[in-house]
PDB file of N, CA and C in Angstrom:
ATOM      1  N   MET A   1     -60.069  50.293 -26.364  1.00  0.00           N
ATOM      2  CA  MET A   1     -60.913  49.783 -25.310  1.00  0.00           C
ATOM      3  C   MET A   1     -61.878  50.881 -24.902  1.00  0.00           C
ATOM      4  N   ASN A   2     -63.035  50.521 -24.530  1.00  0.00           N
ATOM      5  CA  ASN A   2     -64.077  51.454 -24.156  1.00  0.00           C
ATOM      6  C   ASN A   2     -63.758  52.067 -22.785  1.00  0.00           C
ATOM      7  N   THR A   3     -63.921  53.362 -22.646  1.00  0.00           N
ATOM      8  CA  THR A   3     -63.609  54.057 -21.395  1.00  0.00           C
ATOM      9  C   THR A   3     -64.472  53.554 -20.251  1.00  0.00           C
ATOM     10  N   ARG A   4     -65.721  53.198 -20.550  1.00  0.00           N
ATOM     11  CA  ARG A   4     -66.627  52.722 -19.488  1.00  0.00           C
ATOM     12  C   ARG A   4     -66.169  51.396 -18.903  1.00  0.00           C
ATOM     13  N   THR A   5     -65.406  50.636 -19.597  1.00  0.00           N
ATOM     14  CA  THR A   5     -64.910  49.369 -19.047  1.00  0.00           C
ATOM     15  C   THR A   5     -63.455  49.469 -18.599  1.00  0.00           C
ATOM     16  N   PHE A   6     -62.721  50.378 -19.232  1.00  0.00           N
ATOM     17  CA  PHE A   6     -61.300  50.501 -18.899  1.00  0.00           C
ATOM     18  C   PHE A   6     -61.091  51.127 -17.510  1.00  0.00           C
ATOM     19  N   VAL A   7     -61.758  52.236 -17.226  1.00  0.00           N
ATOM     20  CA  VAL A   7     -61.587  52.940 -15.950  1.00  0.00           C
ATOM     21  C   VAL A   7     -61.974  52.053 -14.764  1.00  0.00           C
ATOM     22  N   PRO A   8     -63.141  51.400 -14.779  1.00  0.00           N
ATOM     23  CA  PRO A   8     -63.462  50.524 -13.641  1.00  0.00           C
ATOM     24  C   PRO A   8     -62.489  49.343 -13.510  1.00  0.00           C
ATOM     25  N   ALA A   9     -61.991  48.846 -14.613  1.00  0.00           N
ATOM     26  CA  ALA A   9     -61.044  47.732 -14.545  1.00  0.00           C
ATOM     27  C   ALA A   9     -59.737  48.173 -13.878  1.00  0.00           C
ATOM     28  N   VAL A  10     -59.247  49.340 -14.223  1.00  0.00           N
ATOM     29  CA  VAL A  10     -58.019  49.863 -13.630  1.00  0.00           C
ATOM     30  C   VAL A  10     -58.236  50.159 -12.156  1.00  0.00           C
ATOM     31  N   LEU A  11     -59.350  50.784 -11.820  1.00  0.00           N
ATOM     32  CA  LEU A  11     -59.635  51.072 -10.418  1.00  0.00           C
ATOM     33  C   LEU A  11     -59.756  49.797  -9.591  1.00  0.00           C
ATOM     34  N   SER A  12     -60.381  48.793 -10.130  1.00  0.00           N
ATOM     35  CA  SER A  12     -60.514  47.523  -9.425  1.00  0.00           C
ATOM     36  C   SER A  12     -59.148  46.887  -9.200  1.00  0.00           C
ATOM     37  N   ALA A  13     -58.305  46.933 -10.204  1.00  0.00           N
ATOM     38  CA  ALA A  13     -56.972  46.354 -10.071  1.00  0.00           C
ATOM     39  C   ALA A  13     -56.171  47.092  -9.000  1.00  0.00           C
ATOM     40  N   VAL A  14     -56.269  48.406  -8.964  1.00  0.00           N
ATOM     41  CA  VAL A  14     -55.544  49.198  -7.973  1.00  0.00           C
ATOM     42  C   VAL A  14     -56.064  48.888  -6.577  1.00  0.00           C
ATOM     43  N   LEU A  15     -57.369  48.866  -6.415  1.00  0.00           N
ATOM     44  CA  LEU A  15     -57.951  48.610  -5.105  1.00  0.00           C
ATOM     45  C   LEU A  15     -57.660  47.198  -4.615  1.00  0.00           C
ATOM     46  N   LEU A  16     -57.648  46.236  -5.500  1.00  0.00           N
ATOM     47  CA  LEU A  16     -57.370  44.865  -5.090  1.00  0.00           C
ATOM     48  C   LEU A  16     -55.886  44.626  -4.815  1.00  0.00           C
ATOM     49  N   SER A  17     -55.016  45.391  -5.433  1.00  0.00           N
ATOM     50  CA  SER A  17     -53.590  45.177  -5.227  1.00  0.00           C
ATOM     51  C   SER A  17     -53.082  45.878  -3.970  1.00  0.00           C
ATOM     52  N   THR A  18     -53.781  46.864  -3.460  1.00  0.00           N
ATOM     53  CA  THR A  18     -53.336  47.603  -2.284  1.00  0.00           C
ATOM     54  C   THR A  18     -53.140  46.706  -1.066  1.00  0.00           C
ATOM     55  N   PRO A  19     -54.101  45.840  -0.708  1.00  0.00           N
ATOM     56  CA  PRO A  19     -53.860  44.980   0.458  1.00  0.00           C
ATOM     57  C   PRO A  19     -52.694  44.007   0.241  1.00  0.00           C
ATOM     58  N   VAL A  20     -52.515  43.569  -0.972  1.00  0.00           N
ATOM     59  CA  VAL A  20     -51.426  42.641  -1.260  1.00  0.00           C
ATOM     60  C   VAL A  20     -50.081  43.335  -1.064  1.00  0.00           C
ATOM     61  N   LEU A  21     -49.975  44.574  -1.530  1.00  0.00           N
ATOM     62  CA  LEU A  21     -48.736  45.317  -1.381  1.00  0.00           C
ATOM     63  C   LEU A  21     -48.513  45.731   0.072  1.00  0.00           C
ATOM     64  N   ALA A  22     -49.589  46.022   0.782  1.00  0.00           N
ATOM     65  CA  ALA A  22     -49.464  46.450   2.177  1.00  0.00           C
ATOM     66  C   ALA A  22     -49.076  45.302   3.087  1.00  0.00           C
ATOM     67  N   ALA A  23     -49.356  44.094   2.708  1.00  0.00           N
ATOM     68  CA  ALA A  23     -49.048  42.935   3.541  1.00  0.00           C
ATOM     69  C   ALA A  23     -47.631  42.453   3.271  1.00  0.00           C
ATOM     70  N   GLY A  24     -46.695  43.345   3.388  1.00  0.00           N
ATOM     71  CA  GLY A  24     -45.303  43.012   3.098  1.00  0.00           C
ATOM     72  C   GLY A  24     -44.561  42.443   4.285  1.00  0.00           C
ATOM     73  N   ASN A  25     -45.269  41.938   5.271  1.00  0.00           N
ATOM     74  CA  ASN A  25     -44.667  41.343   6.465  1.00  0.00           C
ATOM     75  C   ASN A  25     -43.686  42.289   7.150  1.00  0.00           C
ATOM     76  N   TYR A  26     -44.132  43.499   7.406  1.00  0.00           N
ATOM     77  CA  TYR A  26     -43.278  44.453   8.095  1.00  0.00           C
ATOM     78  C   TYR A  26     -42.989  43.993   9.514  1.00  0.00           C
ATOM     79  N   GLY A  27     -43.907  43.276  10.118  1.00  0.00           N
ATOM     80  CA  GLY A  27     -43.681  42.743  11.455  1.00  0.00           C
ATOM     81  C   GLY A  27     -42.502  41.793  11.480  1.00  0.00           C
ATOM     82  N   ASN A  28     -42.382  40.937  10.483  1.00  0.00           N
ATOM     83  CA  ASN A  28     -41.256  40.004  10.423  1.00  0.00           C
ATOM     84  C   ASN A  28     -39.945  40.737  10.180  1.00  0.00           C
ATOM     85  N   ARG A  29     -39.982  41.801   9.403  1.00  0.00           N
ATOM     86  CA  ARG A  29     -38.765  42.565   9.160  1.00  0.00           C
ATOM     87  C   ARG A  29     -38.286  43.217  10.448  1.00  0.00           C
ATOM     88  N   LEU A  30     -39.215  43.708  11.256  1.00  0.00           N
ATOM     89  CA  LEU A  30     -38.822  44.311  12.524  1.00  0.00           C
ATOM     90  C   LEU A  30     -38.269  43.264  13.475  1.00  0.00           C
ATOM     91  N   ALA A  31     -38.832  42.066  13.436  1.00  0.00           N
ATOM     92  CA  ALA A  31     -38.378  41.014  14.343  1.00  0.00           C
ATOM     93  C   ALA A  31     -36.966  40.554  13.993  1.00  0.00           C
ATOM     94  N   THR A  32     -36.584  40.658  12.739  1.00  0.00           N
ATOM     95  CA  THR A  32     -35.249  40.220  12.336  1.00  0.00           C
ATOM     96  C   THR A  32     -34.267  41.383  12.235  1.00  0.00           C
ATOM     97  N   ASN A  33     -34.724  42.599  12.543  1.00  0.00           N
ATOM     98  CA  ASN A  33     -33.857  43.763  12.495  1.00  0.00           C
ATOM     99  C   ASN A  33     -32.898  43.716  13.686  1.00  0.00           C
ATOM    100  N   PRO A  34     -31.591  43.694  13.458  1.00  0.00           N
ATOM    101  CA  PRO A  34     -30.650  43.576  14.569  1.00  0.00           C
ATOM    102  C   PRO A  34     -30.687  44.763  15.519  1.00  0.00           C
ATOM    103  N   TYR A  35     -31.090  45.943  15.014  1.00  0.00           N
ATOM    104  CA  TYR A  35     -31.127  47.121  15.882  1.00  0.00           C
ATOM    105  C   TYR A  35     -32.252  47.018  16.898  1.00  0.00           C
ATOM    106  N   THR A  36     -33.419  46.527  16.492  1.00  0.00           N
ATOM    107  CA  THR A  36     -34.515  46.383  17.447  1.00  0.00           C
ATOM    108  C   THR A  36     -34.241  45.240  18.403  1.00  0.00           C
ATOM    109  N   GLN A  37     -33.584  44.187  17.948  1.00  0.00           N
ATOM    110  CA  GLN A  37     -33.257  43.079  18.835  1.00  0.00           C
ATOM    111  C   GLN A  37     -32.219  43.512  19.857  1.00  0.00           C
ATOM    112  N   LYS A  38     -31.264  44.321  19.462  1.00  0.00           N
ATOM    113  CA  LYS A  38     -30.222  44.746  20.384  1.00  0.00           C
ATOM    114  C   LYS A  38     -30.810  45.596  21.499  1.00  0.00           C
ATOM    115  N   ALA A  39     -31.749  46.468  21.160  1.00  0.00           N
ATOM    116  CA  ALA A  39     -32.355  47.315  22.179  1.00  0.00           C
ATOM    117  C   ALA A  39     -33.087  46.470  23.211  1.00  0.00           C
ATOM    118  N   ALA A  40     -33.722  45.403  22.773  1.00  0.00           N
ATOM    119  CA  ALA A  40     -34.472  44.554  23.685  1.00  0.00           C
ATOM    120  C   ALA A  40     -33.543  43.678  24.511  1.00  0.00           C
ATOM    121  N   ALA A  41     -32.392  43.312  23.970  1.00  0.00           N
ATOM    122  CA  ALA A  41     -31.505  42.373  24.638  1.00  0.00           C
ATOM    123  C   ALA A  41     -30.264  43.050  25.226  1.00  0.00           C
ATOM    124  N   MET A  42     -30.341  44.357  25.474  1.00  0.00           N
ATOM    125  CA  MET A  42     -29.187  45.087  25.978  1.00  0.00           C
ATOM    126  C   MET A  42     -28.905  44.689  27.433  1.00  0.00           C
ATOM    127  N   THR A  43     -27.678  44.307  27.698  1.00  0.00           N
ATOM    128  CA  THR A  43     -27.303  43.938  29.057  1.00  0.00           C
ATOM    129  C   THR A  43     -27.037  45.210  29.861  1.00  0.00           C
ATOM    130  N   GLN A  44     -26.889  45.055  31.153  1.00  0.00           N
ATOM    131  CA  GLN A  44     -26.617  46.217  31.992  1.00  0.00           C
ATOM    132  C   GLN A  44     -25.254  46.824  31.666  1.00  0.00           C
ATOM    133  N   ALA A  45     -24.287  45.999  31.326  1.00  0.00           N
ATOM    134  CA  ALA A  45     -22.966  46.514  30.964  1.00  0.00           C
ATOM    135  C   ALA A  45     -23.056  47.338  29.677  1.00  0.00           C
ATOM    136  N   GLU A  46     -23.840  46.863  28.720  1.00  0.00           N
ATOM    137  CA  GLU A  46     -24.030  47.610  27.468  1.00  0.00           C
ATOM    138  C   GLU A  46     -24.778  48.909  27.732  1.00  0.00           C
ATOM    139  N   LYS A  47     -25.742  48.854  28.641  1.00  0.00           N
ATOM    140  CA  LYS A  47     -26.505  50.055  28.999  1.00  0.00           C
ATOM    141  C   LYS A  47     -25.572  51.083  29.630  1.00  0.00           C
ATOM    142  N   CYS A  48     -24.662  50.628  30.492  1.00  0.00           N
ATOM    143  CA  CYS A  48     -23.673  51.528  31.092  1.00  0.00           C
ATOM    144  C   CYS A  48     -22.853  52.219  30.004  1.00  0.00           C
ATOM    145  N   THR A  49     -22.337  51.439  29.096  1.00  0.00           N
ATOM    146  CA  THR A  49     -21.512  51.982  28.011  1.00  0.00           C
ATOM    147  C   THR A  49     -22.306  52.974  27.170  1.00  0.00           C
ATOM    148  N   ASP A  50     -23.556  52.629  26.874  1.00  0.00           N
ATOM    149  CA  ASP A  50     -24.408  53.501  26.075  1.00  0.00           C
ATOM    150  C   ASP A  50     -24.656  54.829  26.791  1.00  0.00           C
ATOM    151  N   LEU A  51     -24.952  54.778  28.077  1.00  0.00           N
ATOM    152  CA  LEU A  51     -25.198  56.004  28.845  1.00  0.00           C
ATOM    153  C   LEU A  51     -23.933  56.849  28.971  1.00  0.00           C
ATOM    154  N   GLU A  52     -22.803  56.203  29.131  1.00  0.00           N
ATOM    155  CA  GLU A  52     -21.533  56.936  29.191  1.00  0.00           C
ATOM    156  C   GLU A  52     -21.284  57.676  27.878  1.00  0.00           C
ATOM    157  N   LYS A  53     -21.543  57.010  26.766  1.00  0.00           N
ATOM    158  CA  LYS A  53     -21.366  57.652  25.456  1.00  0.00           C
ATOM    159  C   LYS A  53     -22.341  58.810  25.282  1.00  0.00           C
ATOM    160  N   GLN A  54     -23.588  58.624  25.732  1.00  0.00           N
ATOM    161  CA  GLN A  54     -24.577  59.696  25.644  1.00  0.00           C
ATOM    162  C   GLN A  54     -24.110  60.912  26.436  1.00  0.00           C
ATOM    163  N   PHE A  55     -23.609  60.674  27.634  1.00  0.00           N
ATOM    164  CA  PHE A  55     -23.141  61.778  28.462  1.00  0.00           C
ATOM    165  C   PHE A  55     -21.958  62.476  27.803  1.00  0.00           C
ATOM    166  N   ASP A  56     -20.999  61.711  27.336  1.00  0.00           N
ATOM    167  CA  ASP A  56     -19.804  62.291  26.728  1.00  0.00           C
ATOM    168  C   ASP A  56     -20.147  63.144  25.507  1.00  0.00           C
ATOM    169  N   ALA A  57     -21.158  62.737  24.767  1.00  0.00           N
ATOM    170  CA  ALA A  57     -21.590  63.529  23.612  1.00  0.00           C
ATOM    171  C   ALA A  57     -22.365  64.770  24.067  1.00  0.00           C
ATOM    172  N   ALA A  58     -23.179  64.624  25.101  1.00  0.00           N
ATOM    173  CA  ALA A  58     -24.037  65.723  25.552  1.00  0.00           C
ATOM    174  C   ALA A  58     -23.250  66.806  26.281  1.00  0.00           C
ATOM    175  N   ILE A  59     -22.192  66.443  26.969  1.00  0.00           N
ATOM    176  CA  ILE A  59     -21.439  67.435  27.752  1.00  0.00           C
ATOM    177  C   ILE A  59     -20.822  68.497  26.852  1.00  0.00           C
ATOM    178  N   LYS A  60     -20.538  68.134  25.621  1.00  0.00           N
ATOM    179  CA  LYS A  60     -19.929  69.080  24.683  1.00  0.00           C
ATOM    180  C   LYS A  60     -20.856  70.245  24.377  1.00  0.00           C
ATOM    181  N   THR A  61     -22.160  69.979  24.354  1.00  0.00           N
ATOM    182  CA  THR A  61     -23.123  71.035  24.020  1.00  0.00           C
ATOM    183  C   THR A  61     -23.856  71.581  25.243  1.00  0.00           C
ATOM    184  N   HIS A  62     -23.613  71.006  26.413  1.00  0.00           N
ATOM    185  CA  HIS A  62     -24.305  71.449  27.627  1.00  0.00           C
ATOM    186  C   HIS A  62     -23.324  71.868  28.720  1.00  0.00           C
ATOM    187  N   GLU A  63     -22.201  72.431  28.327  1.00  0.00           N
ATOM    188  CA  GLU A  63     -21.188  72.823  29.298  1.00  0.00           C
ATOM    189  C   GLU A  63     -21.632  73.967  30.202  1.00  0.00           C
ATOM    190  N   THR A  64     -22.686  74.674  29.810  1.00  0.00           N
ATOM    191  CA  THR A  64     -23.169  75.801  30.606  1.00  0.00           C
ATOM    192  C   THR A  64     -24.413  75.439  31.411  1.00  0.00           C
ATOM    193  N   ALA A  65     -24.719  74.168  31.531  1.00  0.00           N
ATOM    194  CA  ALA A  65     -25.890  73.746  32.305  1.00  0.00           C
ATOM    195  C   ALA A  65     -25.704  74.128  33.767  1.00  0.00           C
ATOM    196  N   ALA A  66     -26.823  74.350  34.459  1.00  0.00           N
ATOM    197  CA  ALA A  66     -26.782  74.798  35.849  1.00  0.00           C
ATOM    198  C   ALA A  66     -26.079  73.787  36.761  1.00  0.00           C
ATOM    199  N   LYS A  67     -26.277  72.514  36.522  1.00  0.00           N
ATOM    200  CA  LYS A  67     -25.709  71.477  37.387  1.00  0.00           C
ATOM    201  C   LYS A  67     -24.587  70.712  36.687  1.00  0.00           C
ATOM    202  N   VAL A  68     -23.784  71.397  35.907  1.00  0.00           N
ATOM    203  CA  VAL A  68     -22.755  70.715  35.121  1.00  0.00           C
ATOM    204  C   VAL A  68     -21.718  70.035  36.014  1.00  0.00           C
ATOM    205  N   ASN A  69     -21.326  70.665  37.109  1.00  0.00           N
ATOM    206  CA  ASN A  69     -20.316  70.059  37.986  1.00  0.00           C
ATOM    207  C   ASN A  69     -20.862  68.814  38.677  1.00  0.00           C
ATOM    208  N   GLU A  70     -22.124  68.884  39.120  1.00  0.00           N
ATOM    209  CA  GLU A  70     -22.751  67.715  39.731  1.00  0.00           C
ATOM    210  C   GLU A  70     -22.881  66.592  38.716  1.00  0.00           C
ATOM    211  N   ALA A  71     -23.223  66.957  37.484  1.00  0.00           N
ATOM    212  CA  ALA A  71     -23.381  65.961  36.423  1.00  0.00           C
ATOM    213  C   ALA A  71     -22.059  65.266  36.131  1.00  0.00           C
ATOM    214  N   LYS A  72     -20.977  66.026  36.083  1.00  0.00           N
ATOM    215  CA  LYS A  72     -19.662  65.429  35.833  1.00  0.00           C
ATOM    216  C   LYS A  72     -19.270  64.476  36.959  1.00  0.00           C
ATOM    217  N   ALA A  73     -19.573  64.865  38.191  1.00  0.00           N
ATOM    218  CA  ALA A  73     -19.261  64.006  39.329  1.00  0.00           C
ATOM    219  C   ALA A  73     -20.087  62.722  39.278  1.00  0.00           C
ATOM    220  N   MET A  74     -21.361  62.851  38.916  1.00  0.00           N
ATOM    221  CA  MET A  74     -22.229  61.671  38.798  1.00  0.00           C
ATOM    222  C   MET A  74     -21.736  60.772  37.668  1.00  0.00           C
ATOM    223  N   ARG A  75     -21.272  61.355  36.582  1.00  0.00           N
ATOM    224  CA  ARG A  75     -20.754  60.574  35.444  1.00  0.00           C
ATOM    225  C   ARG A  75     -19.530  59.772  35.876  1.00  0.00           C
ATOM    226  N   THR A  76     -18.652  60.416  36.609  1.00  0.00           N
ATOM    227  CA  THR A  76     -17.448  59.737  37.086  1.00  0.00           C
ATOM    228  C   THR A  76     -17.814  58.603  38.040  1.00  0.00           C
ATOM    229  N   GLU A  77     -18.694  58.895  38.982  1.00  0.00           N
ATOM    230  CA  GLU A  77     -19.107  57.885  39.950  1.00  0.00           C
ATOM    231  C   GLU A  77     -19.838  56.730  39.263  1.00  0.00           C
ATOM    232  N   GLY A  78     -20.725  57.061  38.325  1.00  0.00           N
ATOM    233  CA  GLY A  78     -21.457  56.027  37.593  1.00  0.00           C
ATOM    234  C   GLY A  78     -20.528  55.150  36.772  1.00  0.00           C
ATOM    235  N   GLY A  79     -19.528  55.755  36.143  1.00  0.00           N
ATOM    236  CA  GLY A  79     -18.551  54.993  35.368  1.00  0.00           C
ATOM    237  C   GLY A  79     -17.757  54.034  36.237  1.00  0.00           C
ATOM    238  N   LYS A  80     -17.386  54.503  37.437  1.00  0.00           N
ATOM    239  CA  LYS A  80     -16.643  53.638  38.360  1.00  0.00           C
ATOM    240  C   LYS A  80     -17.509  52.476  38.844  1.00  0.00           C
ATOM    241  N   LEU A  81     -18.778  52.756  39.133  1.00  0.00           N
ATOM    242  CA  LEU A  81     -19.678  51.686  39.572  1.00  0.00           C
ATOM    243  C   LEU A  81     -19.866  50.651  38.473  1.00  0.00           C
ATOM    244  N   CYS A  82     -20.044  51.122  37.255  1.00  0.00           N
ATOM    245  CA  CYS A  82     -20.218  50.190  36.127  1.00  0.00           C
ATOM    246  C   CYS A  82     -18.961  49.333  35.939  1.00  0.00           C
ATOM    247  N   ALA A  83     -17.806  49.956  36.019  1.00  0.00           N
ATOM    248  CA  ALA A  83     -16.555  49.224  35.840  1.00  0.00           C
ATOM    249  C   ALA A  83     -16.303  48.256  36.993  1.00  0.00           C
ATOM    250  N   GLY A  84     -16.845  48.582  38.173  1.00  0.00           N
ATOM    251  CA  GLY A  84     -16.654  47.734  39.338  1.00  0.00           C
ATOM    252  C   GLY A  84     -17.670  46.623  39.475  1.00  0.00           C
ATOM    253  N   GLY A  85     -18.497  46.432  38.468  1.00  0.00           N
ATOM    254  CA  GLY A  85     -19.467  45.343  38.492  1.00  0.00           C
ATOM    255  C   GLY A  85     -20.801  45.696  39.119  1.00  0.00           C
ATOM    256  N   LYS A  86     -21.001  46.952  39.473  1.00  0.00           N
ATOM    257  CA  LYS A  86     -22.269  47.395  40.062  1.00  0.00           C
ATOM    258  C   LYS A  86     -23.040  48.211  39.024  1.00  0.00           C
ATOM    259  N   GLN A  87     -23.399  47.524  37.934  1.00  0.00           N
ATOM    260  CA  GLN A  87     -24.010  48.209  36.804  1.00  0.00           C
ATOM    261  C   GLN A  87     -25.347  48.858  37.149  1.00  0.00           C
ATOM    262  N   ALA A  88     -26.170  48.211  37.951  1.00  0.00           N
ATOM    263  CA  ALA A  88     -27.484  48.765  38.278  1.00  0.00           C
ATOM    264  C   ALA A  88     -27.335  50.121  38.967  1.00  0.00           C
ATOM    265  N   GLU A  89     -26.402  50.213  39.904  1.00  0.00           N
ATOM    266  CA  GLU A  89     -26.166  51.479  40.597  1.00  0.00           C
ATOM    267  C   GLU A  89     -25.529  52.497  39.654  1.00  0.00           C
ATOM    268  N   GLY A  90     -24.635  52.027  38.804  1.00  0.00           N
ATOM    269  CA  GLY A  90     -23.987  52.912  37.840  1.00  0.00           C
ATOM    270  C   GLY A  90     -24.974  53.498  36.845  1.00  0.00           C
ATOM    271  N   ILE A  91     -25.923  52.690  36.414  1.00  0.00           N
ATOM    272  CA  ILE A  91     -26.939  53.156  35.469  1.00  0.00           C
ATOM    273  C   ILE A  91     -27.757  54.278  36.091  1.00  0.00           C
ATOM    274  N   VAL A  92     -28.120  54.119  37.356  1.00  0.00           N
ATOM    275  CA  VAL A  92     -28.900  55.151  38.051  1.00  0.00           C
ATOM    276  C   VAL A  92     -28.108  56.461  38.092  1.00  0.00           C
ATOM    277  N   LYS A  93     -26.830  56.382  38.420  1.00  0.00           N
ATOM    278  CA  LYS A  93     -25.977  57.580  38.491  1.00  0.00           C
ATOM    279  C   LYS A  93     -25.813  58.229  37.119  1.00  0.00           C
ATOM    280  N   LEU A  94     -25.603  57.414  36.094  1.00  0.00           N
ATOM    281  CA  LEU A  94     -25.423  57.960  34.745  1.00  0.00           C
ATOM    282  C   LEU A  94     -26.695  58.607  34.229  1.00  0.00           C
ATOM    283  N   GLU A  95     -27.836  57.996  34.513  1.00  0.00           N
ATOM    284  CA  GLU A  95     -29.106  58.603  34.094  1.00  0.00           C
ATOM    285  C   GLU A  95     -29.324  59.924  34.812  1.00  0.00           C
ATOM    286  N   GLN A  96     -28.969  59.982  36.096  1.00  0.00           N
ATOM    287  CA  GLN A  96     -29.100  61.231  36.847  1.00  0.00           C
ATOM    288  C   GLN A  96     -28.157  62.294  36.303  1.00  0.00           C
ATOM    289  N   ALA A  97     -26.964  61.893  35.906  1.00  0.00           N
ATOM    290  CA  ALA A  97     -26.013  62.839  35.323  1.00  0.00           C
ATOM    291  C   ALA A  97     -26.572  63.459  34.046  1.00  0.00           C
ATOM    292  N   LEU A  98     -27.197  62.633  33.223  1.00  0.00           N
ATOM    293  CA  LEU A  98     -27.805  63.156  31.991  1.00  0.00           C
ATOM    294  C   LEU A  98     -28.969  64.096  32.310  1.00  0.00           C
ATOM    295  N   LYS A  99     -29.760  63.740  33.305  1.00  0.00           N
ATOM    296  CA  LYS A  99     -30.877  64.609  33.698  1.00  0.00           C
ATOM    297  C   LYS A  99     -30.371  65.938  34.244  1.00  0.00           C
ATOM    298  N   ASP A 100     -29.265  65.909  34.989  1.00  0.00           N
ATOM    299  CA  ASP A 100     -28.683  67.148  35.508  1.00  0.00           C
ATOM    300  C   ASP A 100     -28.231  68.073  34.394  1.00  0.00           C
ATOM    301  N   LEU A 101     -27.839  67.479  33.264  1.00  0.00           N
ATOM    302  CA  LEU A 101     -27.468  68.304  32.105  1.00  0.00           C
ATOM    303  C   LEU A 101     -28.696  68.825  31.369  1.00  0.00           C
ATOM    304  N   GLY A 102     -29.848  68.242  31.664  1.00  0.00           N
ATOM    305  CA  GLY A 102     -31.070  68.622  30.954  1.00  0.00           C
ATOM    306  C   GLY A 102     -31.248  67.852  29.665  1.00  0.00           C
ATOM    307  N   VAL A 103     -30.662  66.657  29.618  1.00  0.00           N
ATOM    308  CA  VAL A 103     -30.726  65.821  28.420  1.00  0.00           C
ATOM    309  C   VAL A 103     -31.679  64.662  28.687  1.00  0.00           C
ATOM    310  N   GLU A 104     -32.492  64.341  27.692  1.00  0.00           N
ATOM    311  CA  GLU A 104     -33.387  63.198  27.792  1.00  0.00           C
ATOM    312  C   GLU A 104     -32.580  61.913  27.585  1.00  0.00           C
ATOM    313  N   VAL A 105     -32.781  60.954  28.475  1.00  0.00           N
ATOM    314  CA  VAL A 105     -32.074  59.689  28.383  1.00  0.00           C
ATOM    315  C   VAL A 105     -32.659  58.872  27.250  1.00  0.00           C
ATOM    316  N   LYS A 106     -31.804  58.420  26.338  1.00  0.00           N
ATOM    317  CA  LYS A 106     -32.234  57.573  25.226  1.00  0.00           C
ATOM    318  C   LYS A 106     -32.027  56.119  25.620  1.00  0.00           C
ATOM    319  N   SER A 107     -33.039  55.340  25.464  1.00  0.00           N
ATOM    320  CA  SER A 107     -32.937  53.921  25.861  1.00  0.00           C
ATOM    321  C   SER A 107     -32.224  53.109  24.844  1.00  0.00           C
TER     322      SER A 107
END
């Protein structure tokens, strides 16, 4: 095949196939991804549990934080509020406990 016709033909095929390959419906994959749906549909009780787990993991590496005792007290109080059906108040306490440790709260 002649180089003058082969190179433009290959380039045209590559350029025309790029939009087709890029349109792989990534939006639909995200919409059906259970991890993204769970984050959007997390209940307050699940949020409490998630924050408690975050704190329990973070305390192991932040035991020397300036407000570690206050953070532990807030964690205990937040856990009790969550268990007692006052999840909104418990979430506030647990988030504050994580902030006292100097940890960014993960949603």
